[in-house]
């Protein structure tokens, strides 16, 4: 991975100031998106037990087969 970082660093250094700003914005976007996905998964895991009674009932058994 170290060689990947070095290669990426060299590529970034060859960019214009404006392009470097775009790269920085994109990296921040990736970081925020990753954090949001992690939170979404956590919220889903936390809320699953609360919804289990609503999801697991005889009236909805037909939907389980879909």
C-alpha atoms as a PDB file:
ATOM      1  CA  UNK A   1       0.000   0.000   0.000  1.00  0.00           C
ATOM      2  CA  UNK A   2       2.917   2.313   0.637  1.00  0.00           C
ATOM      3  CA  UNK A   3       3.785   2.277  -3.064  1.00  0.00           C
ATOM      4  CA  UNK A   4       0.171   3.181  -3.880  1.00  0.00           C
ATOM      5  CA  UNK A   5       0.340   6.170  -1.552  1.00  0.00           C
ATOM      6  CA  UNK A   6       3.648   7.258  -3.043  1.00  0.00           C
ATOM      7  CA  UNK A   7       2.294   6.916  -6.586  1.00  0.00           C
ATOM      8  CA  UNK A   8      -0.847   8.848  -5.708  1.00  0.00           C
ATOM      9  CA  UNK A   9       1.182  11.565  -4.022  1.00  0.00           C
ATOM     10  CA  UNK A  10       3.312  11.997  -7.143  1.00  0.00           C
ATOM     11  CA  UNK A  11       0.227  12.243  -9.331  1.00  0.00           C
ATOM     12  CA  UNK A  12      -1.375  14.814  -7.053  1.00  0.00           C
ATOM     13  CA  UNK A  13       1.786  16.917  -6.991  1.00  0.00           C
ATOM     14  CA  UNK A  14       1.662  17.127 -10.794  1.00  0.00           C
ATOM     15  CA  UNK A  15      -1.818  18.684 -10.728  1.00  0.00           C
ATOM     16  CA  UNK A  16      -2.705  22.359 -10.784  1.00  0.00           C
ATOM     17  CA  UNK A  17      -3.770  24.125  -7.594  1.00  0.00           C
ATOM     18  CA  UNK A  18      -7.397  24.021  -8.744  1.00  0.00           C
ATOM     19  CA  UNK A  19      -7.217  20.305  -9.488  1.00  0.00           C
ATOM     20  CA  UNK A  20      -5.640  19.616  -6.103  1.00  0.00           C
ATOM     21  CA  UNK A  21      -8.577  21.433  -4.493  1.00  0.00           C
ATOM     22  CA  UNK A  22     -10.958  19.163  -6.432  1.00  0.00           C
ATOM     23  CA  UNK A  23      -9.062  16.080  -5.264  1.00  0.00           C
ATOM     24  CA  UNK A  24      -9.251  17.316  -1.688  1.00  0.00           C
ATOM     25  CA  UNK A  25     -13.010  17.887  -2.031  1.00  0.00           C
ATOM     26  CA  UNK A  26     -13.452  14.392  -3.439  1.00  0.00           C
ATOM     27  CA  UNK A  27     -11.441  12.809  -0.642  1.00  0.00           C
ATOM     28  CA  UNK A  28     -13.587  14.665   1.889  1.00  0.00           C
ATOM     29  CA  UNK A  29     -16.720  13.450   0.081  1.00  0.00           C
ATOM     30  CA  UNK A  30     -15.486   9.841   0.313  1.00  0.00           C
ATOM     31  CA  UNK A  31     -14.689  10.248   4.004  1.00  0.00           C
ATOM     32  CA  UNK A  32     -18.120  11.722   4.813  1.00  0.00           C
ATOM     33  CA  UNK A  33     -19.941   9.113   2.715  1.00  0.00           C
ATOM     34  CA  UNK A  34     -18.108   6.328   4.517  1.00  0.00           C
ATOM     35  CA  UNK A  35     -19.022   7.792   7.904  1.00  0.00           C
ATOM     36  CA  UNK A  36     -22.675   8.183   6.870  1.00  0.00           C
ATOM     37  CA  UNK A  37     -22.854   4.586   5.652  1.00  0.00           C
ATOM     38  CA  UNK A  38     -21.346   3.385   8.915  1.00  0.00           C
ATOM     39  CA  UNK A  39     -23.937   5.366  10.887  1.00  0.00           C
ATOM     40  CA  UNK A  40     -26.757   3.998   8.737  1.00  0.00           C
ATOM     41  CA  UNK A  41     -25.610   0.425   9.361  1.00  0.00           C
ATOM     42  CA  UNK A  42     -25.330   1.128  13.084  1.00  0.00           C
ATOM     43  CA  UNK A  43     -28.802   2.646  13.256  1.00  0.00           C
ATOM     44  CA  UNK A  44     -30.256  -0.303  11.362  1.00  0.00           C
ATOM     45  CA  UNK A  45     -28.588  -2.768  13.702  1.00  0.00           C
ATOM     46  CA  UNK A  46     -29.768  -0.888  16.771  1.00  0.00           C
ATOM     47  CA  UNK A  47     -33.357  -0.544  15.547  1.00  0.00           C
ATOM     48  CA  UNK A  48     -33.767  -4.128  14.285  1.00  0.00           C
ATOM     49  CA  UNK A  49     -34.745  -5.589  17.672  1.00  0.00           C
ATOM     50  CA  UNK A  50     -37.340  -2.868  18.157  1.00  0.00           C
ATOM     51  CA  UNK A  51     -38.982  -3.687  14.836  1.00  0.00           C
ATOM     52  CA  UNK A  52     -38.681  -7.460  15.140  1.00  0.00           C
ATOM     53  CA  UNK A  53     -42.115  -7.842  16.713  1.00  0.00           C
ATOM     54  CA  UNK A  54     -43.682  -5.783  13.943  1.00  0.00           C
ATOM     55  CA  UNK A  55     -41.832  -7.654  11.219  1.00  0.00           C
ATOM     56  CA  UNK A  56     -42.385 -11.161  12.563  1.00  0.00           C
ATOM     57  CA  UNK A  57     -46.118 -11.710  12.752  1.00  0.00           C
ATOM     58  CA  UNK A  58     -48.540 -14.173  11.134  1.00  0.00           C
ATOM     59  CA  UNK A  59     -50.266 -11.492   9.059  1.00  0.00           C
ATOM     60  CA  UNK A  60     -47.024 -10.688   7.244  1.00  0.00           C
ATOM     61  CA  UNK A  61     -45.842 -14.276   6.673  1.00  0.00           C
ATOM     62  CA  UNK A  62     -46.985 -14.076   3.030  1.00  0.00           C
ATOM     63  CA  UNK A  63     -44.498 -11.246   2.430  1.00  0.00           C
ATOM     64  CA  UNK A  64     -41.635 -13.349   3.783  1.00  0.00           C
ATOM     65  CA  UNK A  65     -42.058 -15.735   0.839  1.00  0.00           C
ATOM     66  CA  UNK A  66     -41.538 -12.963  -1.741  1.00  0.00           C
END
